[in-house]
Amino acid sequence: MAWTWRFEKSDGTETQPSVAPDEFTTQGDAESWVGEVWKELAEGGADQVTLFEDGNKIYGPMSLHPQEPAADAADPADAADPA
């Protein structure tokens, strides 16, 4: 079994990663690796990644950019204590 990442721009076109991936024999190894280097990948021009097992898409695309909080999200600290 081989687990691989596809590195993409935001429009889905493939791009070369700024950090060369290892060869992964488990999904956990592949996910741990991307978890360790996602910032470098994003800084190098990749916007998202997709995970494959032996050429079959497992999931993705998954953004490499931090999620911005929603502008209309209420701050839980502002909520009144109902008790």
N, C-alpha and C. Protein backbone atom coordinates (compact mmCIF):
# COMPACT_ATOMS: atom_id res chain seq x y z
N MET A 1 0.83 -1.19 0.00
CA MET A 1 0.00 0.00 0.00
C MET A 1 0.87 1.25 0.00
N ALA A 2 0.49 2.21 -0.80
CA ALA A 2 1.21 3.47 -0.85
C ALA A 2 0.23 4.62 -0.65
N TRP A 3 0.56 5.47 0.28
CA TRP A 3 -0.25 6.65 0.58
C TRP A 3 0.50 7.86 0.04
N THR A 4 -0.18 8.69 -0.73
CA THR A 4 0.46 9.85 -1.34
C THR A 4 -0.43 11.08 -1.22
N TRP A 5 0.21 12.23 -1.25
CA TRP A 5 -0.49 13.51 -1.24
C TRP A 5 -0.39 14.14 -2.62
N ARG A 6 -1.46 14.79 -3.05
CA ARG A 6 -1.44 15.65 -4.23
C ARG A 6 -1.46 17.07 -3.69
N PHE A 7 -0.56 17.89 -4.17
CA PHE A 7 -0.43 19.28 -3.72
C PHE A 7 -1.03 20.17 -4.79
N GLU A 8 -1.93 21.07 -4.38
CA GLU A 8 -2.70 21.85 -5.34
C GLU A 8 -2.75 23.33 -4.99
N LYS A 9 -2.99 24.12 -6.03
CA LYS A 9 -3.33 25.53 -5.87
C LYS A 9 -4.82 25.58 -5.52
N SER A 10 -5.32 26.75 -5.16
CA SER A 10 -6.73 26.87 -4.76
C SER A 10 -7.70 26.51 -5.88
N ASP A 11 -7.25 26.60 -7.13
CA ASP A 11 -8.13 26.25 -8.26
C ASP A 11 -8.07 24.77 -8.61
N GLY A 12 -7.30 23.99 -7.84
CA GLY A 12 -7.23 22.55 -8.07
C GLY A 12 -6.10 22.09 -8.97
N THR A 13 -5.36 23.04 -9.54
CA THR A 13 -4.24 22.63 -10.39
C THR A 13 -3.10 22.12 -9.51
N GLU A 14 -2.43 21.10 -9.99
CA GLU A 14 -1.34 20.49 -9.23
C GLU A 14 -0.13 21.41 -9.20
N THR A 15 0.57 21.41 -8.07
CA THR A 15 1.78 22.20 -7.90
C THR A 15 2.83 21.34 -7.20
N GLN A 16 4.07 21.69 -7.37
CA GLN A 16 5.15 20.97 -6.71
C GLN A 16 5.25 21.42 -5.26
N PRO A 17 5.41 20.49 -4.34
CA PRO A 17 5.53 20.87 -2.92
C PRO A 17 6.88 21.47 -2.62
N SER A 18 6.91 22.39 -1.67
CA SER A 18 8.17 23.01 -1.26
C SER A 18 8.96 22.08 -0.33
N VAL A 19 8.29 21.08 0.23
CA VAL A 19 8.93 20.06 1.07
C VAL A 19 8.64 18.72 0.43
N ALA A 20 9.70 18.00 0.07
CA ALA A 20 9.51 16.70 -0.59
C ALA A 20 8.90 15.70 0.38
N PRO A 21 7.79 15.06 -0.03
CA PRO A 21 7.15 14.09 0.86
C PRO A 21 7.93 12.78 0.93
N ASP A 22 7.79 12.10 2.07
CA ASP A 22 8.35 10.76 2.22
C ASP A 22 7.44 9.79 1.49
N GLU A 23 7.84 8.51 1.49
CA GLU A 23 6.95 7.46 1.04
C GLU A 23 6.23 6.95 2.28
N PHE A 24 4.92 6.89 2.22
CA PHE A 24 4.13 6.53 3.38
C PHE A 24 3.49 5.16 3.20
N THR A 25 3.60 4.32 4.23
CA THR A 25 3.02 2.99 4.17
C THR A 25 1.70 2.92 4.94
N THR A 26 1.38 3.98 5.71
CA THR A 26 0.12 4.02 6.44
C THR A 26 -0.51 5.40 6.29
N GLN A 27 -1.82 5.44 6.46
CA GLN A 27 -2.53 6.71 6.42
C GLN A 27 -2.06 7.61 7.55
N GLY A 28 -1.86 7.03 8.73
CA GLY A 28 -1.41 7.80 9.88
C GLY A 28 -0.08 8.48 9.64
N ASP A 29 0.86 7.77 9.00
CA ASP A 29 2.16 8.37 8.70
C ASP A 29 2.01 9.54 7.74
N ALA A 30 1.17 9.36 6.72
CA ALA A 30 0.95 10.44 5.75
C ALA A 30 0.32 11.66 6.42
N GLU A 31 -0.66 11.42 7.27
CA GLU A 31 -1.34 12.52 7.95
C GLU A 31 -0.43 13.21 8.96
N SER A 32 0.38 12.43 9.66
CA SER A 32 1.32 13.03 10.62
C SER A 32 2.31 13.93 9.89
N TRP A 33 2.81 13.46 8.76
CA TRP A 33 3.78 14.24 8.00
C TRP A 33 3.18 15.57 7.56
N VAL A 34 1.98 15.54 6.97
CA VAL A 34 1.39 16.80 6.50
C VAL A 34 1.07 17.71 7.68
N GLY A 35 0.75 17.11 8.83
CA GLY A 35 0.51 17.91 10.02
C GLY A 35 1.75 18.61 10.52
N GLU A 36 2.91 18.04 10.25
CA GLU A 36 4.18 18.64 10.68
C GLU A 36 4.68 19.72 9.72
N VAL A 37 4.36 19.59 8.43
CA VAL A 37 4.95 20.51 7.44
C VAL A 37 3.94 21.39 6.70
N TRP A 38 2.68 21.42 7.16
CA TRP A 38 1.66 22.16 6.41
C TRP A 38 2.00 23.64 6.25
N LYS A 39 2.62 24.24 7.26
CA LYS A 39 2.95 25.67 7.15
C LYS A 39 3.98 25.90 6.05
N GLU A 40 5.00 25.05 6.00
CA GLU A 40 6.02 25.18 4.95
C GLU A 40 5.43 24.94 3.57
N LEU A 41 4.50 23.97 3.47
CA LEU A 41 3.85 23.71 2.19
C LEU A 41 3.05 24.92 1.74
N ALA A 42 2.30 25.53 2.66
CA ALA A 42 1.50 26.71 2.33
C ALA A 42 2.39 27.88 1.95
N GLU A 43 3.46 28.09 2.70
CA GLU A 43 4.39 29.18 2.39
C GLU A 43 5.07 28.96 1.05
N GLY A 44 5.20 27.70 0.64
CA GLY A 44 5.84 27.36 -0.63
C GLY A 44 4.89 27.41 -1.82
N GLY A 45 3.61 27.74 -1.58
CA GLY A 45 2.70 27.92 -2.71
C GLY A 45 1.57 26.91 -2.83
N ALA A 46 1.56 25.87 -2.02
CA ALA A 46 0.44 24.92 -2.06
C ALA A 46 -0.70 25.49 -1.21
N ASP A 47 -1.91 25.41 -1.74
CA ASP A 47 -3.07 25.91 -1.01
C ASP A 47 -3.87 24.78 -0.36
N GLN A 48 -3.79 23.59 -0.94
CA GLN A 48 -4.59 22.48 -0.45
C GLN A 48 -3.92 21.16 -0.82
N VAL A 49 -4.34 20.10 -0.13
CA VAL A 49 -3.80 18.76 -0.40
C VAL A 49 -4.95 17.76 -0.48
N THR A 50 -4.70 16.69 -1.23
CA THR A 50 -5.65 15.59 -1.34
C THR A 50 -4.88 14.30 -1.08
N LEU A 51 -5.45 13.41 -0.27
CA LEU A 51 -4.80 12.15 0.09
C LEU A 51 -5.30 11.01 -0.79
N PHE A 52 -4.34 10.20 -1.28
CA PHE A 52 -4.65 9.04 -2.11
C PHE A 52 -4.02 7.79 -1.51
N GLU A 53 -4.71 6.66 -1.68
CA GLU A 53 -4.15 5.35 -1.34
C GLU A 53 -4.12 4.55 -2.62
N ASP A 54 -2.92 4.18 -3.05
CA ASP A 54 -2.75 3.42 -4.30
C ASP A 54 -3.53 4.04 -5.46
N GLY A 55 -3.50 5.37 -5.55
CA GLY A 55 -4.15 6.07 -6.65
C GLY A 55 -5.63 6.35 -6.46
N ASN A 56 -6.23 5.84 -5.38
CA ASN A 56 -7.64 6.09 -5.09
C ASN A 56 -7.78 7.24 -4.10
N LYS A 57 -8.61 8.21 -4.45
CA LYS A 57 -8.81 9.38 -3.57
C LYS A 57 -9.46 8.94 -2.26
N ILE A 58 -8.86 9.32 -1.15
CA ILE A 58 -9.40 9.03 0.17
C ILE A 58 -10.18 10.24 0.68
N TYR A 59 -9.58 11.42 0.66
CA TYR A 59 -10.28 12.65 0.99
C TYR A 59 -9.50 13.85 0.48
N GLY A 60 -10.19 14.96 0.45
CA GLY A 60 -9.60 16.20 0.00
C GLY A 60 -10.46 16.81 -1.09
N PRO A 61 -10.14 18.00 -1.49
CA PRO A 61 -8.98 18.75 -1.02
C PRO A 61 -9.18 19.31 0.38
N MET A 62 -8.09 19.39 1.09
CA MET A 62 -8.06 19.93 2.45
C MET A 62 -7.16 21.17 2.43
N SER A 63 -7.69 22.29 2.89
CA SER A 63 -6.96 23.55 2.87
C SER A 63 -5.75 23.49 3.79
N LEU A 64 -4.69 24.17 3.37
CA LEU A 64 -3.49 24.32 4.20
C LEU A 64 -3.48 25.68 4.90
N HIS A 65 -4.54 26.45 4.73
CA HIS A 65 -4.61 27.78 5.33
C HIS A 65 -5.46 27.72 6.59
N PRO A 66 -5.04 28.44 7.64
CA PRO A 66 -5.84 28.46 8.86
C PRO A 66 -7.24 28.98 8.58
N GLN A 67 -8.21 28.40 9.24
CA GLN A 67 -9.59 28.82 9.07
C GLN A 67 -9.81 30.11 9.84
N GLU A 68 -10.40 31.09 9.16
CA GLU A 68 -10.72 32.36 9.81
C GLU A 68 -12.05 32.19 10.55
N PRO A 69 -12.14 32.76 11.75
CA PRO A 69 -13.42 32.67 12.46
C PRO A 69 -14.49 33.46 11.71
N ALA A 70 -15.72 32.99 11.77
CA ALA A 70 -16.82 33.66 11.09
C ALA A 70 -17.04 35.03 11.73
N ALA A 71 -17.28 36.03 10.91
CA ALA A 71 -17.44 37.40 11.39
C ALA A 71 -18.64 37.55 12.30
N ASP A 72 -19.67 36.73 12.10
CA ASP A 72 -20.87 36.86 12.91
C ASP A 72 -20.92 35.85 14.07
N ALA A 73 -19.83 35.15 14.29
CA ALA A 73 -19.80 34.17 15.38
C ALA A 73 -19.78 34.90 16.72
N ALA A 74 -20.61 34.45 17.61
CA ALA A 74 -20.68 35.06 18.95
C ALA A 74 -19.51 34.57 19.78
N ASP A 75 -18.95 35.46 20.57
CA ASP A 75 -17.87 35.09 21.49
C ASP A 75 -18.51 34.44 22.70
N PRO A 76 -18.18 33.15 23.00
CA PRO A 76 -18.79 32.49 24.15
C PRO A 76 -18.56 33.24 25.46
N ALA A 77 -17.49 34.01 25.54
CA ALA A 77 -17.21 34.77 26.76
C ALA A 77 -18.23 35.89 26.96
N ASP A 78 -18.90 36.30 25.87
CA ASP A 78 -19.90 37.36 25.97
C ASP A 78 -21.27 36.85 26.41
N ALA A 79 -21.46 35.54 26.40
CA ALA A 79 -22.77 34.97 26.75
C ALA A 79 -23.02 35.13 28.25
N ALA A 80 -24.23 35.51 28.58
CA ALA A 80 -24.61 35.67 29.99
C ALA A 80 -24.81 34.29 30.63
N ASP A 81 -24.45 34.18 31.88
CA ASP A 81 -24.62 32.94 32.62
C ASP A 81 -26.10 32.85 33.00
N PRO A 82 -26.81 31.79 32.48
CA PRO A 82 -28.25 31.71 32.74
C PRO A 82 -28.58 31.34 34.20
N ALA A 83 -27.62 30.94 34.98
CA ALA A 83 -27.90 30.50 36.36
C ALA A 83 -28.06 31.65 37.32
